[in-house]
C-alpha atoms as a PDB file:
ATOM      1  CA  MET A   1      21.702 -20.509  21.720  1.00  0.00           C
ATOM      2  CA  SER A   2      18.340 -20.467  23.512  1.00  0.00           C
ATOM      3  CA  THR A   3      15.129 -21.348  21.679  1.00  0.00           C
ATOM      4  CA  LYS A   4      13.879 -17.768  21.973  1.00  0.00           C
ATOM      5  CA  CYS A   5      17.141 -16.364  20.623  1.00  0.00           C
ATOM      6  CA  SER A   6      17.122 -18.897  17.765  1.00  0.00           C
ATOM      7  CA  TYR A   7      13.566 -17.878  16.902  1.00  0.00           C
ATOM      8  CA  TYR A   8      14.477 -14.192  16.646  1.00  0.00           C
ATOM      9  CA  PHE A   9      17.603 -14.992  14.653  1.00  0.00           C
ATOM     10  CA  LEU A  10      15.491 -17.000  12.210  1.00  0.00           C
ATOM     11  CA  LEU A  11      12.970 -14.151  11.885  1.00  0.00           C
ATOM     12  CA  VAL A  12      15.731 -11.640  11.157  1.00  0.00           C
ATOM     13  CA  LEU A  13      17.290 -14.007   8.625  1.00  0.00           C
ATOM     14  CA  VAL A  14      13.959 -14.513   6.840  1.00  0.00           C
ATOM     15  CA  ALA A  15      13.372 -10.740   6.773  1.00  0.00           C
ATOM     16  CA  LEU A  16      16.833 -10.112   5.313  1.00  0.00           C
ATOM     17  CA  VAL A  17      16.336 -12.749   2.618  1.00  0.00           C
ATOM     18  CA  ALA A  18      12.940 -11.244   1.733  1.00  0.00           C
ATOM     19  CA  LEU A  19      14.406  -7.745   1.499  1.00  0.00           C
ATOM     20  CA  SER A  20      17.330  -8.985  -0.549  1.00  0.00           C
ATOM     21  CA  SER A  21      15.009 -10.822  -2.933  1.00  0.00           C
ATOM     22  CA  ARG A  22      12.849  -7.749  -3.382  1.00  0.00           C
ATOM     23  CA  ALA A  23      15.872  -5.544  -3.946  1.00  0.00           C
ATOM     24  CA  SER A  24      17.196  -8.037  -6.499  1.00  0.00           C
ATOM     25  CA  ALA A  25      13.806  -8.226  -8.202  1.00  0.00           C
ATOM     26  CA  GLN A  26      13.524  -4.434  -8.358  1.00  0.00           C
ATOM     27  CA  SER A  27      17.058  -4.214  -9.715  1.00  0.00           C
ATOM     28  CA  ALA A  28      16.161  -6.754 -12.421  1.00  0.00           C
ATOM     29  CA  ILE A  29      13.026  -4.773 -13.313  1.00  0.00           C
ATOM     30  CA  ASP A  30      15.032  -1.541 -13.522  1.00  0.00           C
ATOM     31  CA  SER A  31      17.578  -3.239 -15.800  1.00  0.00           C
ATOM     32  CA  MET A  32      14.828  -4.519 -18.090  1.00  0.00           C
ATOM     33  CA  LEU A  33      13.269  -1.065 -18.342  1.00  0.00           C
ATOM     34  CA  GLN A  34      16.626   0.363 -19.446  1.00  0.00           C
ATOM     35  CA  ASN A  35      16.697  -2.110 -22.353  1.00  0.00           C
ATOM     36  CA  ARG A  36      14.769  -0.286 -25.078  1.00  0.00           C
ATOM     37  CA  ALA A  37      14.495  -3.359 -27.343  1.00  0.00           C
ATOM     38  CA  PHE A  38      13.063  -5.418 -24.472  1.00  0.00           C
ATOM     39  CA  VAL A  39      10.515  -2.726 -23.581  1.00  0.00           C
ATOM     40  CA  GLU A  40       9.452  -2.344 -27.197  1.00  0.00           C
ATOM     41  CA  ARG A  41       8.990  -6.136 -27.550  1.00  0.00           C
ATOM     42  CA  GLN A  42       6.752  -6.123 -24.470  1.00  0.00           C
ATOM     43  CA  ILE A  43       4.749  -3.167 -25.805  1.00  0.00           C
ATOM     44  CA  SER A  44       4.342  -4.965 -29.129  1.00  0.00           C
ATOM     45  CA  CYS A  45       3.053  -8.043 -27.306  1.00  0.00           C
ATOM     46  CA  ILE A  46       0.721  -6.134 -25.000  1.00  0.00           C
ATOM     47  CA  THR A  47      -0.751  -4.122 -27.876  1.00  0.00           C
ATOM     48  CA  ARG A  48      -1.283  -7.339 -29.859  1.00  0.00           C
ATOM     49  CA  ASN A  49       1.195  -6.342 -32.558  1.00  0.00           C
ATOM     50  CA  GLY A  50       3.777  -9.039 -31.940  1.00  0.00           C
ATOM     51  CA  PRO A  51       4.604 -12.309 -30.227  1.00  0.00           C
ATOM     52  CA  CYS A  52       4.626 -12.601 -26.448  1.00  0.00           C
ATOM     53  CA  ASP A  53       7.283 -14.070 -24.210  1.00  0.00           C
ATOM     54  CA  PRO A  54       6.401 -15.276 -20.676  1.00  0.00           C
ATOM     55  CA  ILE A  55       6.854 -11.766 -19.251  1.00  0.00           C
ATOM     56  CA  GLY A  56       4.479 -10.254 -21.803  1.00  0.00           C
ATOM     57  CA  LYS A  57       1.926 -12.979 -21.090  1.00  0.00           C
ATOM     58  CA  LEU A  58       2.181 -12.271 -17.359  1.00  0.00           C
ATOM     59  CA  ILE A  59       1.708  -8.538 -17.925  1.00  0.00           C
ATOM     60  CA  ILE A  60      -1.364  -9.212 -20.084  1.00  0.00           C
ATOM     61  CA  ARG A  61      -2.881 -11.398 -17.343  1.00  0.00           C
ATOM     62  CA  ARG A  62      -2.231  -8.802 -14.630  1.00  0.00           C
ATOM     63  CA  LEU A  63      -3.122  -5.593 -16.502  1.00  0.00           C
ATOM     64  CA  PRO A  64      -6.901  -5.663 -15.960  1.00  0.00           C
ATOM     65  CA  ASP A  65      -6.474  -5.927 -12.177  1.00  0.00           C
ATOM     66  CA  VAL A  66      -3.759  -3.270 -12.168  1.00  0.00           C
ATOM     67  CA  LEU A  67      -5.771  -0.819 -14.273  1.00  0.00           C
ATOM     68  CA  HIS A  68      -9.307  -1.407 -13.017  1.00  0.00           C
ATOM     69  CA  ASN A  69      -8.944  -2.645  -9.436  1.00  0.00           C
ATOM     70  CA  ASN A  70      -5.887  -0.734  -8.242  1.00  0.00           C
ATOM     71  CA  CYS A  71      -3.902  -3.993  -8.251  1.00  0.00           C
ATOM     72  CA  SER A  72      -6.192  -5.472  -5.588  1.00  0.00           C
ATOM     73  CA  SER A  73      -4.701  -8.970  -5.865  1.00  0.00           C
ATOM     74  CA  CYS A  74      -1.124  -7.674  -5.651  1.00  0.00           C
ATOM     75  CA  ASN A  75       1.165  -7.917  -2.670  1.00  0.00           C
ATOM     76  CA  PRO A  76       2.849  -4.639  -1.612  1.00  0.00           C
ATOM     77  CA  PHE A  77       5.954  -5.305  -3.727  1.00  0.00           C
ATOM     78  CA  GLU A  78       3.891  -6.083  -6.836  1.00  0.00           C
ATOM     79  CA  LYS A  79       1.768  -2.994  -6.272  1.00  0.00           C
ATOM     80  CA  GLN A  80       4.853  -0.781  -6.036  1.00  0.00           C
ATOM     81  CA  ALA A  81       6.344  -2.419  -9.138  1.00  0.00           C
ATOM     82  CA  ALA A  82       3.090  -1.818 -11.041  1.00  0.00           C
ATOM     83  CA  GLU A  83       3.060   1.846  -9.990  1.00  0.00           C
ATOM     84  CA  ASN A  84       6.683   2.224 -11.106  1.00  0.00           C
ATOM     85  CA  LEU A  85       5.942   0.568 -14.442  1.00  0.00           C
ATOM     86  CA  ILE A  86       2.916   2.796 -15.059  1.00  0.00           C
ATOM     87  CA  ARG A  87       4.953   5.910 -14.259  1.00  0.00           C
ATOM     88  CA  PHE A  88       7.734   4.685 -16.571  1.00  0.00           C
ATOM     89  CA  MET A  89       5.291   4.104 -19.422  1.00  0.00           C
ATOM     90  CA  GLN A  90       3.561   7.468 -18.934  1.00  0.00           C
ATOM     91  CA  GLN A  91       6.883   9.313 -18.998  1.00  0.00           C
ATOM     92  CA  ASN A  92       8.713   7.369 -21.710  1.00  0.00           C
ATOM     93  CA  TYR A  93       6.012   5.863 -23.935  1.00  0.00           C
ATOM     94  CA  PRO A  94       2.900   8.045 -23.508  1.00  0.00           C
ATOM     95  CA  GLN A  95       1.292   7.147 -26.854  1.00  0.00           C
ATOM     96  CA  GLU A  96       1.853   3.446 -26.325  1.00  0.00           C
ATOM     97  CA  TRP A  97       0.523   3.755 -22.775  1.00  0.00           C
ATOM     98  CA  ALA A  98      -2.663   5.410 -24.076  1.00  0.00           C
ATOM     99  CA  ARG A  99      -3.086   2.533 -26.539  1.00  0.00           C
ATOM    100  CA  ILE A 100      -2.568  -0.059 -23.801  1.00  0.00           C
ATOM    101  CA  ARG A 101      -5.162   1.674 -21.620  1.00  0.00           C
ATOM    102  CA  SER A 102      -7.645   1.645 -24.488  1.00  0.00           C
ATOM    103  CA  ILE A 103      -7.152  -2.096 -24.995  1.00  0.00           C
ATOM    104  CA  TYR A 104      -7.410  -3.151 -21.369  1.00  0.00           C
END
């Protein structure tokens, strides 16, 4: 295989791995959002009404940027995930979402 052909093969392979990882990550996020107990634990953490696991702690760290700076430090995947999460909260937990917004 020529060097040029190897280079393009490597680029395609890297792109496929990146897409696969993002698809897997989005699938994991979707699964978590379908788990009502998990979502309610995260809400309890974020609203300072319960203990936080590493995911809750990460959400707390990222919320100010997401809410006040349009997720300016996010990569495109993170920005899309944040938008999906906000939409999920608005549709499924509107009162809790209002409380979260008032805190952060």
